[in-house]
Amino acid sequence: MSLARRHPQLLDERHSVGGYREFSPRPASRRWIEYLWTCSTPGTARSSAPHRVVADPGVSLAFSCHRHKGKAEGASLRLFGPVESRRLFESDASFEMVCVRPKLEWLPFLLGAQPQDHVDAKHDFLEVDPRIARPVLARLSRARSMSEALALLESELVSLAEQSRRSPHQRALHAMEILRRTAGTVPLRRVAQHLGCTPRSLRRWIREAAGVPPKRYSRLLRFQAVLAASDPLAAPDWASLACRFHYFDQSHLIRDFQEFAWSSPSVVHRERWRESAFSNHSPSEPTRLP
């Protein structure tokens, strides 16, 4: 029986902006999956509002299509790599995309991929691993809704994980979990002390898992956390957010925005609020899995 059928429930939405919605994985998949996300454009709209894509160390397996009368057309399955270069994203009417973001340390064991091989790329997964991609794409293309496709994609990742005979180094698993839970705000030396290893070993494990130096990975996690915390706020207090997420001061936070979003916090926030106003998505509307 599929994961979707074993666990019928509402997904826990943890973040949204415009047509983008982010969900916590279900208990059965939390060991391997960081989160799930969707992106859609209503059929009544000509296109989505332009979305500024910001720097992100993560990798996602993404199924996308245009849906007409419940049928998926032009379906594709792609591997979205880490973002390091600035770009805008736009989609046209009836566009749907459902994505699963595996934890980086599990990526080689689930999908046979390394983050650094897919930087700024949207690789066709049929070319990355056709043995896995073909049957998964065929099943996803038969899904009758975005919710059903998302549940199925999550289930497929769990199935791959359960079949895998290999796993990451245990201390690497613990280190990555600590960095994610603390949004990169804990100094690496304290993480090393907690795990009983040398800082040098810790840096090596994190670099192998994340594909970037540990300090940069921690900075990106913190930047993403500030972005998510500011999105629901009409007028963010940037000085308070800088303090909350352990920046030295507001100027330090602004420098990270300029490096990772290529603009100031106020400009980025204003753009993202405009996206939400453009979208007819209601954040309070639940997503029910089959």
Protein backbone atom coordinates (compact mmCIF):
# COMPACT_ATOMS: atom_id res chain seq x y z
CA MET A 1 0.00 0.00 0.00
CA SER A 2 1.33 3.46 -0.87
CA LEU A 3 2.41 6.00 1.72
CA ALA A 4 -0.39 8.29 0.55
CA ARG A 5 -3.04 5.66 1.29
CA ARG A 6 -1.51 4.65 4.60
CA HIS A 7 -1.46 8.24 5.88
CA PRO A 8 -4.47 10.23 4.61
CA GLN A 9 -4.20 13.64 6.29
CA LEU A 10 -3.81 17.36 5.77
CA LEU A 11 -0.31 18.52 5.01
CA ASP A 12 1.15 20.98 7.50
CA GLU A 13 1.82 24.18 5.55
CA ARG A 14 4.87 25.88 7.01
CA HIS A 15 5.40 28.75 4.57
CA SER A 16 3.78 30.41 1.56
CA VAL A 17 4.39 33.36 -0.73
CA GLY A 18 2.41 34.02 -3.90
CA GLY A 19 1.80 30.73 -5.71
CA TYR A 20 4.57 28.99 -3.71
CA ARG A 21 3.60 26.75 -0.79
CA GLU A 22 5.92 24.77 1.45
CA PHE A 23 4.93 21.79 3.60
CA SER A 24 6.48 19.69 6.33
CA PRO A 25 6.97 16.04 5.38
CA ARG A 26 4.81 13.43 7.07
CA PRO A 27 6.28 11.43 9.96
CA ALA A 28 7.01 8.40 7.77
CA SER A 29 9.33 10.43 5.51
CA ARG A 30 10.99 12.93 7.86
CA ARG A 31 14.17 10.89 8.11
CA TRP A 32 14.98 11.52 4.46
CA ILE A 33 12.97 14.56 3.32
CA GLU A 34 13.55 18.16 4.40
CA TYR A 35 10.24 19.49 3.04
CA LEU A 36 7.77 19.40 0.16
CA TRP A 37 6.79 22.37 -1.96
CA THR A 38 4.42 23.32 -4.74
CA CYS A 39 4.15 26.14 -7.23
CA SER A 40 1.08 26.87 -9.34
CA THR A 41 -0.55 29.48 -11.53
CA PRO A 42 -4.37 29.66 -11.61
CA GLY A 43 -6.00 28.75 -14.91
CA THR A 44 -7.66 32.18 -14.89
CA ALA A 45 -4.30 34.01 -14.91
CA ARG A 46 -2.22 34.60 -18.01
CA SER A 47 1.01 34.14 -16.06
CA SER A 48 2.42 34.24 -12.56
CA ALA A 49 3.99 37.32 -11.01
CA PRO A 50 7.78 37.31 -11.62
CA HIS A 51 9.51 35.62 -8.71
CA ARG A 52 13.05 36.48 -7.63
CA VAL A 53 14.90 33.19 -7.11
CA VAL A 54 17.34 33.58 -4.22
CA ALA A 55 20.45 31.62 -3.32
CA ASP A 56 19.64 28.19 -1.94
CA PRO A 57 21.87 25.16 -1.20
CA GLY A 58 19.07 22.60 -1.63
CA VAL A 59 18.22 20.13 -4.40
CA SER A 60 14.63 19.20 -5.34
CA LEU A 61 13.03 16.52 -7.47
CA ALA A 62 10.32 18.39 -9.37
CA PHE A 63 7.33 17.15 -11.37
CA SER A 64 5.67 19.82 -13.50
CA CYS A 65 2.84 19.94 -16.01
CA HIS A 66 -0.07 21.96 -17.32
CA ARG A 67 -3.36 20.55 -16.13
CA HIS A 68 -6.46 20.67 -18.31
CA LYS A 69 -9.70 18.98 -17.25
CA GLY A 70 -7.79 16.93 -14.66
CA LYS A 71 -5.20 15.61 -17.12
CA ALA A 72 -1.48 16.38 -17.00
CA GLU A 73 -0.03 17.70 -20.26
CA GLY A 74 3.62 18.32 -21.10
CA ALA A 75 4.76 16.51 -17.94
CA SER A 76 8.44 16.49 -16.95
CA LEU A 77 10.53 15.28 -14.04
CA ARG A 78 13.57 17.41 -13.28
CA LEU A 79 16.31 17.76 -10.71
CA PHE A 80 16.58 21.38 -9.55
CA GLY A 81 20.08 22.06 -8.26
CA PRO A 82 21.44 24.59 -5.76
CA VAL A 83 20.93 28.23 -6.74
CA GLU A 84 23.99 30.45 -6.91
CA SER A 85 23.13 32.87 -9.74
CA ARG A 86 20.35 35.45 -9.90
CA ARG A 87 17.30 34.79 -12.05
CA LEU A 88 13.55 35.32 -12.24
CA PHE A 89 10.91 32.61 -12.49
CA GLU A 90 7.61 33.01 -14.31
CA SER A 91 4.97 30.46 -15.30
CA ASP A 92 1.93 30.59 -17.55
CA ALA A 93 -1.71 29.66 -16.92
CA SER A 94 -2.62 26.22 -15.52
CA PHE A 95 1.01 25.49 -14.61
CA GLU A 96 1.58 23.10 -11.70
CA MET A 97 4.79 21.92 -10.06
CA VAL A 98 5.16 19.58 -7.08
CA CYS A 99 8.55 19.00 -5.53
CA VAL A 100 10.27 16.95 -2.86
CA ARG A 101 13.43 18.27 -1.31
CA PRO A 102 15.55 15.42 0.08
CA LYS A 103 17.95 16.14 2.90
CA LEU A 104 21.28 16.86 1.22
CA GLU A 105 23.16 14.15 3.07
CA TRP A 106 20.72 11.56 1.68
CA LEU A 107 20.76 12.83 -1.90
CA PRO A 108 23.51 10.47 -3.23
CA PHE A 109 21.83 7.46 -1.63
CA LEU A 110 18.30 8.24 -2.87
CA LEU A 111 18.86 9.78 -6.30
CA GLY A 112 22.52 9.06 -7.06
CA ALA A 113 23.25 12.80 -7.32
CA GLN A 114 25.76 15.22 -5.83
CA PRO A 115 24.64 18.84 -5.19
CA GLN A 116 27.72 20.36 -6.84
CA ASP A 117 26.94 18.56 -10.12
CA HIS A 118 23.62 20.40 -10.50
CA VAL A 119 24.39 24.00 -9.50
CA ASP A 120 22.03 26.49 -11.22
CA ALA A 121 20.63 23.61 -13.31
CA LYS A 122 17.25 22.04 -14.03
CA HIS A 123 18.37 18.67 -15.30
CA ASP A 124 15.95 16.26 -16.92
CA PHE A 125 15.85 13.34 -14.47
CA LEU A 126 15.33 10.96 -17.39
CA GLU A 127 18.93 11.74 -18.33
CA VAL A 128 20.24 11.59 -14.76
CA ASP A 129 18.76 8.17 -13.90
CA PRO A 130 16.33 6.81 -16.52
CA ARG A 131 15.87 3.54 -14.60
CA ILE A 132 14.19 5.41 -11.74
CA ALA A 133 12.76 8.33 -13.72
CA ARG A 134 10.68 6.52 -16.36
CA PRO A 135 8.30 4.58 -14.08
CA VAL A 136 8.04 7.48 -11.60
CA LEU A 137 7.19 9.98 -14.35
CA ALA A 138 4.59 7.59 -15.79
CA ARG A 139 2.86 7.22 -12.41
CA LEU A 140 2.96 10.96 -11.69
CA SER A 141 1.49 11.75 -15.11
CA ARG A 142 -1.59 9.70 -14.19
CA ALA A 143 -2.22 11.69 -11.00
CA ARG A 144 -5.56 13.49 -11.15
CA SER A 145 -4.56 16.51 -9.05
CA MET A 146 -1.60 18.41 -7.67
CA SER A 147 -2.27 17.00 -4.19
CA GLU A 148 -2.27 13.45 -5.51
CA ALA A 149 0.96 14.03 -7.45
CA LEU A 150 2.65 15.49 -4.36
CA ALA A 151 1.65 12.53 -2.20
CA LEU A 152 2.85 10.12 -4.87
CA LEU A 153 6.21 11.87 -5.29
CA GLU A 154 6.77 11.78 -1.53
CA SER A 155 5.86 8.08 -1.52
CA GLU A 156 8.31 7.37 -4.35
CA LEU A 157 11.18 8.97 -2.42
CA VAL A 158 10.34 6.97 0.69
CA SER A 159 10.30 3.77 -1.39
CA LEU A 160 13.76 4.57 -2.79
CA ALA A 161 15.03 5.28 0.73
CA GLU A 162 13.69 2.01 2.11
CA GLN A 163 15.38 0.10 -0.72
CA SER A 164 18.76 1.78 -0.21
CA ARG A 165 21.39 -0.35 1.48
CA ARG A 166 23.66 2.59 2.21
CA SER A 167 23.36 5.62 4.44
CA PRO A 168 25.40 8.71 5.35
CA HIS A 169 27.96 8.78 8.15
CA GLN A 170 26.06 8.96 11.45
CA ARG A 171 27.90 12.02 12.70
CA ALA A 172 27.30 13.75 9.37
CA LEU A 173 23.57 13.02 9.81
CA HIS A 174 23.58 14.52 13.30
CA ALA A 175 25.62 17.56 12.25
CA MET A 176 23.33 18.42 9.33
CA GLU A 177 20.24 18.02 11.52
CA ILE A 178 21.67 20.38 14.13
CA LEU A 179 22.47 23.02 11.51
CA ARG A 180 18.98 22.79 9.99
CA ARG A 181 17.17 22.85 13.36
CA THR A 182 19.14 25.91 14.50
CA ALA A 183 18.99 27.66 11.10
CA GLY A 184 22.77 27.73 10.97
CA THR A 185 23.06 29.97 14.04
CA VAL A 186 25.17 27.60 16.18
CA PRO A 187 28.96 27.97 15.74
CA LEU A 188 30.57 24.93 14.11
CA ARG A 189 33.02 24.52 17.00
CA ARG A 190 30.07 23.99 19.37
CA VAL A 191 28.58 21.41 17.00
CA ALA A 192 31.93 19.61 16.90
CA GLN A 193 32.12 19.62 20.71
CA HIS A 194 28.60 18.24 20.95
CA LEU A 195 29.40 15.41 18.53
CA GLY A 196 32.80 14.66 20.08
CA CYS A 197 34.77 15.21 16.86
CA THR A 198 37.36 17.66 15.61
CA PRO A 199 36.24 20.81 13.77
CA ARG A 200 38.27 19.63 10.79
CA SER A 201 36.34 16.33 10.56
CA LEU A 202 33.05 18.18 10.97
CA ARG A 203 33.89 20.59 8.15
CA ARG A 204 34.79 17.68 5.87
CA TRP A 205 31.53 15.81 6.56
CA ILE A 206 29.37 18.88 6.01
CA ARG A 207 31.18 19.87 2.83
CA GLU A 208 30.77 16.35 1.44
CA ALA A 209 27.05 16.34 2.33
CA ALA A 210 26.11 19.91 1.40
CA GLY A 211 28.43 20.46 -1.57
CA VAL A 212 29.53 23.85 -0.17
CA PRO A 213 31.84 24.94 2.67
CA PRO A 214 30.16 24.59 6.10
CA LYS A 215 30.30 28.31 6.86
CA ARG A 216 28.50 29.18 3.62
CA TYR A 217 25.92 26.43 4.21
CA SER A 218 25.20 27.84 7.69
CA ARG A 219 24.90 31.38 6.29
CA LEU A 220 22.44 30.20 3.62
CA LEU A 221 20.32 28.38 6.20
CA ARG A 222 20.18 31.52 8.35
CA PHE A 223 19.35 33.74 5.36
CA GLN A 224 16.51 31.40 4.32
CA ALA A 225 15.17 31.43 7.89
CA VAL A 226 15.13 35.25 7.98
CA LEU A 227 13.35 35.33 4.62
CA ALA A 228 10.66 32.92 5.85
CA ALA A 229 10.24 34.83 9.12
CA SER A 230 9.83 38.16 7.31
CA ASP A 231 7.37 37.00 4.63
CA PRO A 232 4.20 37.11 6.81
CA LEU A 233 5.09 40.53 8.26
CA ALA A 234 3.65 43.71 6.73
CA ALA A 235 6.57 45.79 8.03
CA PRO A 236 9.47 43.62 9.26
CA ASP A 237 11.71 45.03 11.96
CA TRP A 238 15.03 44.11 10.35
CA ALA A 239 17.07 45.04 13.42
CA SER A 240 15.01 42.65 15.56
CA LEU A 241 15.30 39.90 12.98
CA ALA A 242 19.07 40.43 12.85
CA CYS A 243 19.22 39.97 16.62
CA ARG A 244 16.88 36.96 16.60
CA PHE A 245 18.99 35.12 14.02
CA HIS A 246 22.34 35.99 15.61
CA TYR A 247 23.66 38.50 13.08
CA PHE A 248 26.19 40.99 14.46
CA ASP A 249 23.87 43.84 13.50
CA GLN A 250 21.41 44.95 10.83
CA SER A 251 24.23 45.85 8.43
CA HIS A 252 25.45 42.25 8.63
CA LEU A 253 21.96 41.01 7.66
CA ILE A 254 21.79 43.50 4.78
CA ARG A 255 25.11 42.22 3.41
CA ASP A 256 23.75 38.67 3.35
CA PHE A 257 20.66 39.82 1.46
CA GLN A 258 22.82 41.62 -1.07
CA GLU A 259 24.94 38.51 -1.55
CA PHE A 260 22.16 35.89 -1.58
CA ALA A 261 19.18 37.86 -2.98
CA TRP A 262 21.13 40.50 -4.91
CA SER A 263 19.14 43.33 -3.36
CA SER A 264 18.22 44.92 -0.03
CA PRO A 265 15.85 43.31 2.50
CA SER A 266 13.17 45.96 1.93
CA VAL A 267 13.19 45.53 -1.86
CA VAL A 268 13.04 41.73 -1.63
CA HIS A 269 10.22 41.88 0.92
CA ARG A 270 8.21 44.34 -1.19
CA GLU A 271 8.53 42.08 -4.24
CA ARG A 272 7.36 39.03 -2.34
CA TRP A 273 4.34 40.88 -0.94
CA ARG A 274 3.40 41.93 -4.46
CA GLU A 275 3.53 38.26 -5.51
CA SER A 276 1.09 37.34 -2.76
CA ALA A 277 -1.25 40.13 -3.83
CA PHE A 278 -1.04 38.97 -7.46
CA SER A 279 -1.85 35.37 -6.59
CA ASN A 280 -5.43 34.37 -5.76
CA HIS A 281 -4.05 31.68 -3.44
CA SER A 282 -5.56 31.72 0.04
CA PRO A 283 -2.96 30.65 2.68
CA SER A 284 -5.74 29.35 4.91
CA GLU A 285 -6.97 26.84 2.32
CA PRO A 286 -5.74 23.38 3.38
CA THR A 287 -4.14 20.90 1.03
CA ARG A 288 -5.63 17.44 1.52
CA LEU A 289 -3.74 14.37 0.47
CA PRO A 290 -5.59 11.41 -1.00
